[in-house]
Amino acid sequence: MTQTGNVPPVLFLSHGAPPLADDATWTRQLADWSAGFEKPKDILMVSAHWENAPVTLSATERKTDLVYDFWGFPQKYYDVTYDAPLAPELATEVDRLVAGHGHHVERDEARGLDHGAYVPLVEMFPEADVPVVQMSMPTLDPQGLFELGKSLAPLRERGTLIVGSGFTTHNLRWFNPAAGPDTTPPAASSEFDHWAEEAMARGDVDSILDFLHKAPAAREAHPRSEHWAPLYVALGAAYGSSGIEAKTAIDGFWYGLSKRSWTLT
């Protein structure tokens, strides 16, 4: 594995739906965030929208279309493109590292980036000049994903940016387009967001992994845990001898959902 002087952080970001692109505040926050660290050699994306076992990697041999995994939106959101370079070298390293920890890795050469990957990348790296590969989550088991993330940690030494893309709260029953993006969040969303902020600030990985038993309003904030699960991978990839250091990069709410995002080192 080639060493580099640029050791990127690990990110967990709340990725939003396609209309994120119309939100001037959030798009600026994402752009400012990526401007705060060196451009990575390549990017490994782990999105809430791809669960597949065994561990599977997106296309690395030929360009393929984005995955427009949403319905009922205006046509302009289906016209978005993100023509980032393929990342076969990164995929090979992921294969080697993950296989070394007992996982079988497959490739899906028909699989492009889904909206959990490309929607934030369009704002953070608009030139689409950084190679990207997406990795599936083979399970939603917190400890299993945390250990998977730990196996990926050496990628940072070669300049890879590892990104867990989910949502800090994700209950679509709260999503009301008529109310507007700045609507007051439900109490459950605010309570969970506050707990997450404090747990991450103190590096309490055990509580984060056991959020269903430790967090207030956990099952309301996450009726299903797939949008919280990419954080487990990010925590594992950032975990070191002194634990983790997490800094909030973006906070606030969008249609009642917490868009809190962290930089992990």
C-alpha atoms as a PDB file:
ATOM      1  CA  MET A   1       0.000   0.000   0.000  1.00  0.00           C
ATOM      2  CA  THR A   2       1.487   3.336  -1.035  1.00  0.00           C
ATOM      3  CA  GLN A   3       1.990   5.755   1.846  1.00  0.00           C
ATOM      4  CA  THR A   4       1.096   9.419   1.555  1.00  0.00           C
ATOM      5  CA  GLY A   5       1.684  12.490   3.687  1.00  0.00           C
ATOM      6  CA  ASN A   6      -1.991  13.386   3.451  1.00  0.00           C
ATOM      7  CA  VAL A   7      -3.964  11.390   6.015  1.00  0.00           C
ATOM      8  CA  PRO A   8      -7.593  12.390   5.527  1.00  0.00           C
ATOM      9  CA  PRO A   9     -10.128  12.410   8.329  1.00  0.00           C
ATOM     10  CA  VAL A  10     -13.111  10.070   8.325  1.00  0.00           C
ATOM     11  CA  LEU A  11     -16.520  11.635   7.746  1.00  0.00           C
ATOM     12  CA  PHE A  12     -20.045  10.840   8.741  1.00  0.00           C
ATOM     13  CA  LEU A  13     -22.474  13.018   6.872  1.00  0.00           C
ATOM     14  CA  SER A  14     -26.208  13.399   6.703  1.00  0.00           C
ATOM     15  CA  HIS A  15     -26.768  13.236   2.985  1.00  0.00           C
ATOM     16  CA  GLY A  16     -30.254  14.583   2.376  1.00  0.00           C
ATOM     17  CA  ALA A  17     -32.555  13.842  -0.517  1.00  0.00           C
ATOM     18  CA  PRO A  18     -31.973  15.158  -4.053  1.00  0.00           C
ATOM     19  CA  PRO A  19     -33.546  18.580  -3.192  1.00  0.00           C
ATOM     20  CA  LEU A  20     -30.538  19.206  -0.943  1.00  0.00           C
ATOM     21  CA  ALA A  21     -29.078  20.776  -4.096  1.00  0.00           C
ATOM     22  CA  ASP A  22     -31.643  23.570  -3.819  1.00  0.00           C
ATOM     23  CA  ASP A  23     -30.764  24.414  -0.216  1.00  0.00           C
ATOM     24  CA  ALA A  24     -28.233  27.278  -0.340  1.00  0.00           C
ATOM     25  CA  THR A  25     -27.256  26.895   3.318  1.00  0.00           C
ATOM     26  CA  TRP A  26     -26.621  23.160   3.248  1.00  0.00           C
ATOM     27  CA  THR A  27     -24.777  23.181  -0.071  1.00  0.00           C
ATOM     28  CA  ARG A  28     -22.510  25.940   1.243  1.00  0.00           C
ATOM     29  CA  GLN A  29     -21.879  23.998   4.455  1.00  0.00           C
ATOM     30  CA  LEU A  30     -20.842  20.910   2.503  1.00  0.00           C
ATOM     31  CA  ALA A  31     -18.559  22.920   0.218  1.00  0.00           C
ATOM     32  CA  ASP A  32     -16.940  24.706   3.168  1.00  0.00           C
ATOM     33  CA  TRP A  33     -16.435  21.384   4.933  1.00  0.00           C
ATOM     34  CA  SER A  34     -14.510  19.774   2.088  1.00  0.00           C
ATOM     35  CA  ALA A  35     -12.475  22.954   1.619  1.00  0.00           C
ATOM     36  CA  GLY A  36     -11.171  22.481   5.157  1.00  0.00           C
ATOM     37  CA  PHE A  37      -8.988  19.464   4.363  1.00  0.00           C
ATOM     38  CA  GLU A  38      -6.702  18.414   1.531  1.00  0.00           C
ATOM     39  CA  LYS A  39      -8.275  16.825  -1.506  1.00  0.00           C
ATOM     40  CA  PRO A  40      -8.016  13.054  -0.995  1.00  0.00           C
ATOM     41  CA  LYS A  41      -6.410  10.571  -3.354  1.00  0.00           C
ATOM     42  CA  ASP A  42      -9.733   8.743  -3.656  1.00  0.00           C
ATOM     43  CA  ILE A  43     -12.991   8.224  -1.775  1.00  0.00           C
ATOM     44  CA  LEU A  44     -14.677   5.164  -0.298  1.00  0.00           C
ATOM     45  CA  MET A  45     -18.401   5.798   0.191  1.00  0.00           C
ATOM     46  CA  VAL A  46     -20.621   3.739   2.492  1.00  0.00           C
ATOM     47  CA  SER A  47     -24.235   4.776   1.970  1.00  0.00           C
ATOM     48  CA  ALA A  48     -27.381   3.953   3.904  1.00  0.00           C
ATOM     49  CA  HIS A  49     -28.967   3.053   0.576  1.00  0.00           C
ATOM     50  CA  TRP A  50     -26.901  -0.002  -0.238  1.00  0.00           C
ATOM     51  CA  GLU A  51     -27.288  -3.063   1.937  1.00  0.00           C
ATOM     52  CA  ASN A  52     -25.877  -6.172   0.354  1.00  0.00           C
ATOM     53  CA  ALA A  53     -24.093  -9.257   1.623  1.00  0.00           C
ATOM     54  CA  PRO A  54     -21.374 -10.174   1.091  1.00  0.00           C
ATOM     55  CA  VAL A  55     -19.480  -6.892   1.013  1.00  0.00           C
ATOM     56  CA  THR A  56     -19.878  -5.593  -2.535  1.00  0.00           C
ATOM     57  CA  LEU A  57     -18.092  -2.815  -4.406  1.00  0.00           C
ATOM     58  CA  SER A  58     -19.522  -0.648  -7.152  1.00  0.00           C
ATOM     59  CA  ALA A  59     -18.265  -0.580 -10.728  1.00  0.00           C
ATOM     60  CA  THR A  60     -14.498  -0.273 -11.246  1.00  0.00           C
ATOM     61  CA  GLU A  61     -14.043  -1.509 -14.834  1.00  0.00           C
ATOM     62  CA  ARG A  62     -16.364   0.727 -16.825  1.00  0.00           C
ATOM     63  CA  LYS A  63     -18.426   3.843 -16.202  1.00  0.00           C
ATOM     64  CA  THR A  64     -22.032   3.166 -15.323  1.00  0.00           C
ATOM     65  CA  ASP A  65     -25.064   5.318 -14.613  1.00  0.00           C
ATOM     66  CA  LEU A  66     -25.877   6.775 -11.243  1.00  0.00           C
ATOM     67  CA  VAL A  67     -28.540   4.978  -9.238  1.00  0.00           C
ATOM     68  CA  TYR A  68     -31.559   7.288  -9.053  1.00  0.00           C
ATOM     69  CA  ASP A  69     -33.036   5.443  -6.094  1.00  0.00           C
ATOM     70  CA  PHE A  70     -35.946   7.786  -5.404  1.00  0.00           C
ATOM     71  CA  TRP A  71     -39.405   8.321  -6.817  1.00  0.00           C
ATOM     72  CA  GLY A  72     -41.831  11.135  -7.504  1.00  0.00           C
ATOM     73  CA  PHE A  73     -39.347  13.984  -7.855  1.00  0.00           C
ATOM     74  CA  PRO A  74     -39.174  16.535 -10.694  1.00  0.00           C
ATOM     75  CA  GLN A  75     -37.210  15.447 -13.759  1.00  0.00           C
ATOM     76  CA  LYS A  76     -34.269  17.758 -13.016  1.00  0.00           C
ATOM     77  CA  TYR A  77     -33.167  15.495 -10.172  1.00  0.00           C
ATOM     78  CA  TYR A  78     -32.937  12.545 -12.572  1.00  0.00           C
ATOM     79  CA  ASP A  79     -30.803  14.596 -14.953  1.00  0.00           C
ATOM     80  CA  VAL A  80     -28.016  15.082 -12.429  1.00  0.00           C
ATOM     81  CA  THR A  81     -24.704  13.453 -13.384  1.00  0.00           C
ATOM     82  CA  TYR A  82     -21.491  12.880 -11.450  1.00  0.00           C
ATOM     83  CA  ASP A  83     -18.778  11.514 -13.697  1.00  0.00           C
ATOM     84  CA  ALA A  84     -16.098  10.788 -11.118  1.00  0.00           C
ATOM     85  CA  PRO A  85     -13.165   8.580 -12.150  1.00  0.00           C
ATOM     86  CA  LEU A  86     -13.355   4.913 -11.310  1.00  0.00           C
ATOM     87  CA  ALA A  87     -11.200   3.657  -8.441  1.00  0.00           C
ATOM     88  CA  PRO A  88      -9.937   0.153  -9.279  1.00  0.00           C
ATOM     89  CA  GLU A  89      -6.773   0.575  -7.184  1.00  0.00           C
ATOM     90  CA  LEU A  90      -8.829   1.508  -4.137  1.00  0.00           C
ATOM     91  CA  ALA A  91     -11.173  -1.407  -4.750  1.00  0.00           C
ATOM     92  CA  THR A  92      -8.210  -3.782  -4.781  1.00  0.00           C
ATOM     93  CA  GLU A  93      -7.013  -2.420  -1.441  1.00  0.00           C
ATOM     94  CA  VAL A  94     -10.499  -2.690   0.070  1.00  0.00           C
ATOM     95  CA  ASP A  95     -10.715  -6.278  -1.165  1.00  0.00           C
ATOM     96  CA  ARG A  96      -7.350  -7.117   0.426  1.00  0.00           C
ATOM     97  CA  LEU A  97      -8.071  -5.466   3.776  1.00  0.00           C
ATOM     98  CA  VAL A  98     -11.611  -6.727   4.183  1.00  0.00           C
ATOM     99  CA  ALA A  99     -10.739 -10.259   3.056  1.00  0.00           C
ATOM    100  CA  GLY A 100      -7.984 -10.260   5.668  1.00  0.00           C
ATOM    101  CA  HIS A 101     -10.680  -9.883   8.315  1.00  0.00           C
ATOM    102  CA  GLY A 102     -12.758 -12.788   7.114  1.00  0.00           C
ATOM    103  CA  HIS A 103     -15.084 -11.091   4.625  1.00  0.00           C
ATOM    104  CA  HIS A 104     -15.671 -12.223   1.071  1.00  0.00           C
ATOM    105  CA  VAL A 105     -15.804  -9.277  -1.334  1.00  0.00           C
ATOM    106  CA  GLU A 106     -17.691  -9.155  -4.615  1.00  0.00           C
ATOM    107  CA  ARG A 107     -17.865  -6.578  -7.414  1.00  0.00           C
ATOM    108  CA  ASP A 108     -21.030  -5.343  -9.081  1.00  0.00           C
ATOM    109  CA  GLU A 109     -19.947  -3.835 -12.386  1.00  0.00           C
ATOM    110  CA  ALA A 110     -23.511  -2.665 -13.094  1.00  0.00           C
ATOM    111  CA  ARG A 111     -23.740  -0.678  -9.849  1.00  0.00           C
ATOM    112  CA  GLY A 112     -23.206   3.075  -9.902  1.00  0.00           C
ATOM    113  CA  LEU A 113     -23.257   5.565  -7.045  1.00  0.00           C
ATOM    114  CA  ASP A 114     -26.613   5.989  -5.323  1.00  0.00           C
ATOM    115  CA  HIS A 115     -28.006   9.286  -4.070  1.00  0.00           C
ATOM    116  CA  GLY A 116     -26.491   8.756  -0.615  1.00  0.00           C
ATOM    117  CA  ALA A 117     -23.117   8.977  -2.360  1.00  0.00           C
ATOM    118  CA  TYR A 118     -23.439  11.386  -5.262  1.00  0.00           C
ATOM    119  CA  VAL A 119     -25.794  13.988  -3.746  1.00  0.00           C
ATOM    120  CA  PRO A 120     -23.228  15.139  -1.140  1.00  0.00           C
ATOM    121  CA  LEU A 121     -20.249  14.571  -3.457  1.00  0.00           C
ATOM    122  CA  VAL A 122     -21.686  16.958  -6.047  1.00  0.00           C
ATOM    123  CA  GLU A 123     -21.475  19.689  -3.409  1.00  0.00           C
ATOM    124  CA  MET A 124     -18.189  18.680  -1.757  1.00  0.00           C
ATOM    125  CA  PHE A 125     -16.159  17.790  -4.863  1.00  0.00           C
ATOM    126  CA  PRO A 126     -18.057  19.428  -7.733  1.00  0.00           C
ATOM    127  CA  GLU A 127     -15.235  18.926 -10.230  1.00  0.00           C
ATOM    128  CA  ALA A 128     -15.824  15.155  -9.978  1.00  0.00           C
ATOM    129  CA  ASP A 129     -12.066  14.669 -10.257  1.00  0.00           C
ATOM    130  CA  VAL A 130     -11.539  12.332  -7.284  1.00  0.00           C
ATOM    131  CA  PRO A 131     -11.916   8.579  -7.927  1.00  0.00           C
ATOM    132  CA  VAL A 132     -14.829   7.047  -6.012  1.00  0.00           C
ATOM    133  CA  VAL A 133     -15.953   3.541  -5.189  1.00  0.00           C
ATOM    134  CA  GLN A 134     -18.991   2.654  -3.091  1.00  0.00           C
ATOM    135  CA  MET A 135     -19.110  -0.257  -0.656  1.00  0.00           C
ATOM    136  CA  SER A 136     -22.254  -2.021   0.522  1.00  0.00           C
ATOM    137  CA  MET A 137     -23.146  -2.640   4.143  1.00  0.00           C
ATOM    138  CA  PRO A 138     -23.325  -6.433   4.549  1.00  0.00           C
ATOM    139  CA  THR A 139     -25.252  -6.163   7.825  1.00  0.00           C
ATOM    140  CA  LEU A 140     -26.833  -3.611  10.140  1.00  0.00           C
ATOM    141  CA  ASP A 141     -25.230  -5.200  13.189  1.00  0.00           C
ATOM    142  CA  PRO A 142     -23.412  -2.368  15.004  1.00  0.00           C
ATOM    143  CA  GLN A 143     -20.397  -4.365  16.162  1.00  0.00           C
ATOM    144  CA  GLY A 144     -20.025  -6.076  12.815  1.00  0.00           C
ATOM    145  CA  LEU A 145     -19.968  -2.749  10.957  1.00  0.00           C
ATOM    146  CA  PHE A 146     -17.615  -1.237  13.531  1.00  0.00           C
ATOM    147  CA  GLU A 147     -15.156  -4.103  12.999  1.00  0.00           C
ATOM    148  CA  LEU A 148     -15.544  -3.746   9.229  1.00  0.00           C
ATOM    149  CA  GLY A 149     -14.633  -0.079   9.598  1.00  0.00           C
ATOM    150  CA  LYS A 150     -11.574  -0.945  11.668  1.00  0.00           C
ATOM    151  CA  SER A 151     -10.354  -3.205   8.870  1.00  0.00           C
ATOM    152  CA  LEU A 152     -10.543  -0.239   6.483  1.00  0.00           C
ATOM    153  CA  ALA A 153      -8.536   2.149   8.677  1.00  0.00           C
ATOM    154  CA  PRO A 154      -5.195   1.582   6.841  1.00  0.00           C
ATOM    155  CA  LEU A 155      -6.731   3.129   3.729  1.00  0.00           C
ATOM    156  CA  ARG A 156      -6.318   6.537   5.325  1.00  0.00           C
ATOM    157  CA  GLU A 157      -2.525   6.184   5.178  1.00  0.00           C
ATOM    158  CA  ARG A 158      -2.722   5.990   1.378  1.00  0.00           C
ATOM    159  CA  GLY A 159      -4.831   9.157   1.231  1.00  0.00           C
ATOM    160  CA  THR A 160      -8.322   7.647   1.041  1.00  0.00           C
ATOM    161  CA  LEU A 161     -11.265   9.598   2.414  1.00  0.00           C
ATOM    162  CA  ILE A 162     -13.716   7.191   4.055  1.00  0.00           C
ATOM    163  CA  VAL A 163     -17.258   8.548   4.205  1.00  0.00           C
ATOM    164  CA  GLY A 164     -20.231   7.103   6.035  1.00  0.00           C
ATOM    165  CA  SER A 165     -23.338   8.642   4.481  1.00  0.00           C
ATOM    166  CA  GLY A 166     -26.586   8.417   6.426  1.00  0.00           C
ATOM    167  CA  PHE A 167     -28.738  10.770   8.487  1.00  0.00           C
ATOM    168  CA  THR A 168     -28.500  11.610  12.181  1.00  0.00           C
ATOM    169  CA  THR A 169     -32.267  11.321  12.484  1.00  0.00           C
ATOM    170  CA  HIS A 170     -34.377   9.675   9.803  1.00  0.00           C
ATOM    171  CA  ASN A 171     -38.101   9.295  10.235  1.00  0.00           C
ATOM    172  CA  LEU A 172     -39.884  10.112   7.002  1.00  0.00           C
ATOM    173  CA  ARG A 173     -43.201  10.481   8.812  1.00  0.00           C
ATOM    174  CA  TRP A 174     -41.775  13.827   9.959  1.00  0.00           C
ATOM    175  CA  PHE A 175     -41.011  14.915   6.399  1.00  0.00           C
ATOM    176  CA  ASN A 176     -43.618  17.448   5.312  1.00  0.00           C
ATOM    177  CA  PRO A 177     -42.673  19.364   2.143  1.00  0.00           C
ATOM    178  CA  ALA A 178     -45.512  21.831   2.706  1.00  0.00           C
ATOM    179  CA  ALA A 179     -43.959  22.906   6.013  1.00  0.00           C
ATOM    180  CA  GLY A 180     -40.643  23.908   4.424  1.00  0.00           C
ATOM    181  CA  PRO A 181     -37.053  22.917   5.273  1.00  0.00           C
ATOM    182  CA  ASP A 182     -36.825  25.230   8.290  1.00  0.00           C
ATOM    183  CA  THR A 183     -39.821  23.839  10.140  1.00  0.00           C
ATOM    184  CA  THR A 184     -39.375  23.276  13.883  1.00  0.00           C
ATOM    185  CA  PRO A 185     -38.137  19.704  14.380  1.00  0.00           C
ATOM    186  CA  PRO A 186     -40.183  17.234  16.403  1.00  0.00           C
ATOM    187  CA  ALA A 187     -39.084  16.874  20.023  1.00  0.00           C
ATOM    188  CA  ALA A 188     -37.852  13.344  19.346  1.00  0.00           C
ATOM    189  CA  SER A 189     -35.534  14.579  16.594  1.00  0.00           C
ATOM    190  CA  SER A 190     -34.130  17.344  18.801  1.00  0.00           C
ATOM    191  CA  GLU A 191     -33.648  15.015  21.754  1.00  0.00           C
ATOM    192  CA  PHE A 192     -31.829  12.396  19.721  1.00  0.00           C
ATOM    193  CA  ASP A 193     -29.670  15.031  18.020  1.00  0.00           C
ATOM    194  CA  HIS A 194     -28.644  16.483  21.398  1.00  0.00           C
ATOM    195  CA  TRP A 195     -27.791  13.036  22.749  1.00  0.00           C
ATOM    196  CA  ALA A 196     -25.770  12.199  19.628  1.00  0.00           C
ATOM    197  CA  GLU A 197     -23.863  15.473  19.843  1.00  0.00           C
ATOM    198  CA  GLU A 198     -22.852  14.788  23.445  1.00  0.00           C
ATOM    199  CA  ALA A 199     -22.064  11.091  22.950  1.00  0.00           C
ATOM    200  CA  MET A 200     -19.847  11.808  19.955  1.00  0.00           C
ATOM    201  CA  ALA A 201     -18.113  14.721  21.710  1.00  0.00           C
ATOM    202  CA  ARG A 202     -17.032  12.453  24.551  1.00  0.00           C
ATOM    203  CA  GLY A 203     -16.071   9.637  22.175  1.00  0.00           C
ATOM    204  CA  ASP A 204     -18.575   7.240  23.710  1.00  0.00           C
ATOM    205  CA  VAL A 205     -18.418   4.559  21.040  1.00  0.00           C
ATOM    206  CA  ASP A 206     -20.144   1.967  23.235  1.00  0.00           C
ATOM    207  CA  SER A 207     -23.223   4.151  23.621  1.00  0.00           C
ATOM    208  CA  ILE A 208     -23.329   4.984  19.919  1.00  0.00           C
ATOM    209  CA  LEU A 209     -23.246   1.287  19.024  1.00  0.00           C
ATOM    210  CA  ASP A 210     -25.945   0.567  21.615  1.00  0.00           C
ATOM    211  CA  PHE A 211     -28.061   3.584  20.691  1.00  0.00           C
ATOM    212  CA  LEU A 212     -31.371   1.693  20.813  1.00  0.00           C
ATOM    213  CA  HIS A 213     -30.897   1.251  24.558  1.00  0.00           C
ATOM    214  CA  LYS A 214     -28.968   4.439  25.350  1.00  0.00           C
ATOM    215  CA  ALA A 215     -30.455   7.223  23.240  1.00  0.00           C
ATOM    216  CA  PRO A 216     -33.720   9.055  23.919  1.00  0.00           C
ATOM    217  CA  ALA A 217     -36.413   8.546  21.297  1.00  0.00           C
ATOM    218  CA  ALA A 218     -34.126   6.112  19.466  1.00  0.00           C
ATOM    219  CA  ARG A 219     -36.874   4.175  17.711  1.00  0.00           C
ATOM    220  CA  GLU A 220     -38.663   7.364  16.718  1.00  0.00           C
ATOM    221  CA  ALA A 221     -35.485   8.916  15.354  1.00  0.00           C
ATOM    222  CA  HIS A 222     -34.627   5.689  13.515  1.00  0.00           C
ATOM    223  CA  PRO A 223     -37.602   3.367  12.914  1.00  0.00           C
ATOM    224  CA  ARG A 224     -35.025   1.327  11.002  1.00  0.00           C
ATOM    225  CA  SER A 225     -31.315   1.779  11.668  1.00  0.00           C
ATOM    226  CA  GLU A 226     -29.910   1.866   8.107  1.00  0.00           C
ATOM    227  CA  HIS A 227     -29.333   5.643   8.156  1.00  0.00           C
ATOM    228  CA  TRP A 228     -27.464   5.455  11.470  1.00  0.00           C
ATOM    229  CA  ALA A 229     -25.470   2.361  10.517  1.00  0.00           C
ATOM    230  CA  PRO A 230     -22.860   4.066   8.251  1.00  0.00           C
ATOM    231  CA  LEU A 231     -21.661   5.841  11.396  1.00  0.00           C
ATOM    232  CA  TYR A 232     -20.531   2.484  12.796  1.00  0.00           C
ATOM    233  CA  VAL A 233     -18.228   1.989   9.811  1.00  0.00           C
ATOM    234  CA  ALA A 234     -16.892   5.528  10.145  1.00  0.00           C
ATOM    235  CA  LEU A 235     -16.239   5.059  13.866  1.00  0.00           C
ATOM    236  CA  GLY A 236     -14.303   1.871  13.211  1.00  0.00           C
ATOM    237  CA  ALA A 237     -12.217   3.481  10.475  1.00  0.00           C
ATOM    238  CA  ALA A 238     -11.331   6.412  12.761  1.00  0.00           C
ATOM    239  CA  TYR A 239     -10.803   4.399  15.943  1.00  0.00           C
ATOM    240  CA  GLY A 240      -7.289   4.443  17.353  1.00  0.00           C
ATOM    241  CA  SER A 241      -5.379   3.762  20.565  1.00  0.00           C
ATOM    242  CA  SER A 242      -6.959   6.810  22.192  1.00  0.00           C
ATOM    243  CA  GLY A 243     -10.435   6.182  20.809  1.00  0.00           C
ATOM    244  CA  ILE A 244     -11.906   8.818  18.527  1.00  0.00           C
ATOM    245  CA  GLU A 245     -12.103  12.574  18.346  1.00  0.00           C
ATOM    246  CA  ALA A 246     -15.297  13.857  16.759  1.00  0.00           C
ATOM    247  CA  LYS A 247     -16.076  17.424  15.795  1.00  0.00           C
ATOM    248  CA  THR A 248     -19.411  18.586  14.488  1.00  0.00           C
ATOM    249  CA  ALA A 249     -18.971  19.870  10.946  1.00  0.00           C
ATOM    250  CA  ILE A 250     -22.634  20.620  10.159  1.00  0.00           C
ATOM    251  CA  ASP A 251     -25.626  20.915  12.448  1.00  0.00           C
ATOM    252  CA  GLY A 252     -29.225  22.043  12.241  1.00  0.00           C
ATOM    253  CA  PHE A 253     -32.361  20.451  10.866  1.00  0.00           C
ATOM    254  CA  TRP A 254     -33.919  19.959   7.444  1.00  0.00           C
ATOM    255  CA  TYR A 255     -37.630  19.206   7.267  1.00  0.00           C
ATOM    256  CA  GLY A 256     -37.382  18.109  10.899  1.00  0.00           C
ATOM    257  CA  LEU A 257     -34.481  15.706  10.338  1.00  0.00           C
ATOM    258  CA  SER A 258     -31.123  16.294  12.019  1.00  0.00           C
ATOM    259  CA  LYS A 259     -28.433  16.951   9.440  1.00  0.00           C
ATOM    260  CA  ARG A 260     -25.638  16.788  12.058  1.00  0.00           C
ATOM    261  CA  SER A 261     -22.400  15.568  10.486  1.00  0.00           C
ATOM    262  CA  TRP A 262     -18.993  14.886  11.995  1.00  0.00           C
ATOM    263  CA  THR A 263     -15.304  14.953  11.167  1.00  0.00           C
ATOM    264  CA  LEU A 264     -13.605  11.996  12.872  1.00  0.00           C
ATOM    265  CA  THR A 265      -9.909  11.698  13.640  1.00  0.00           C
END
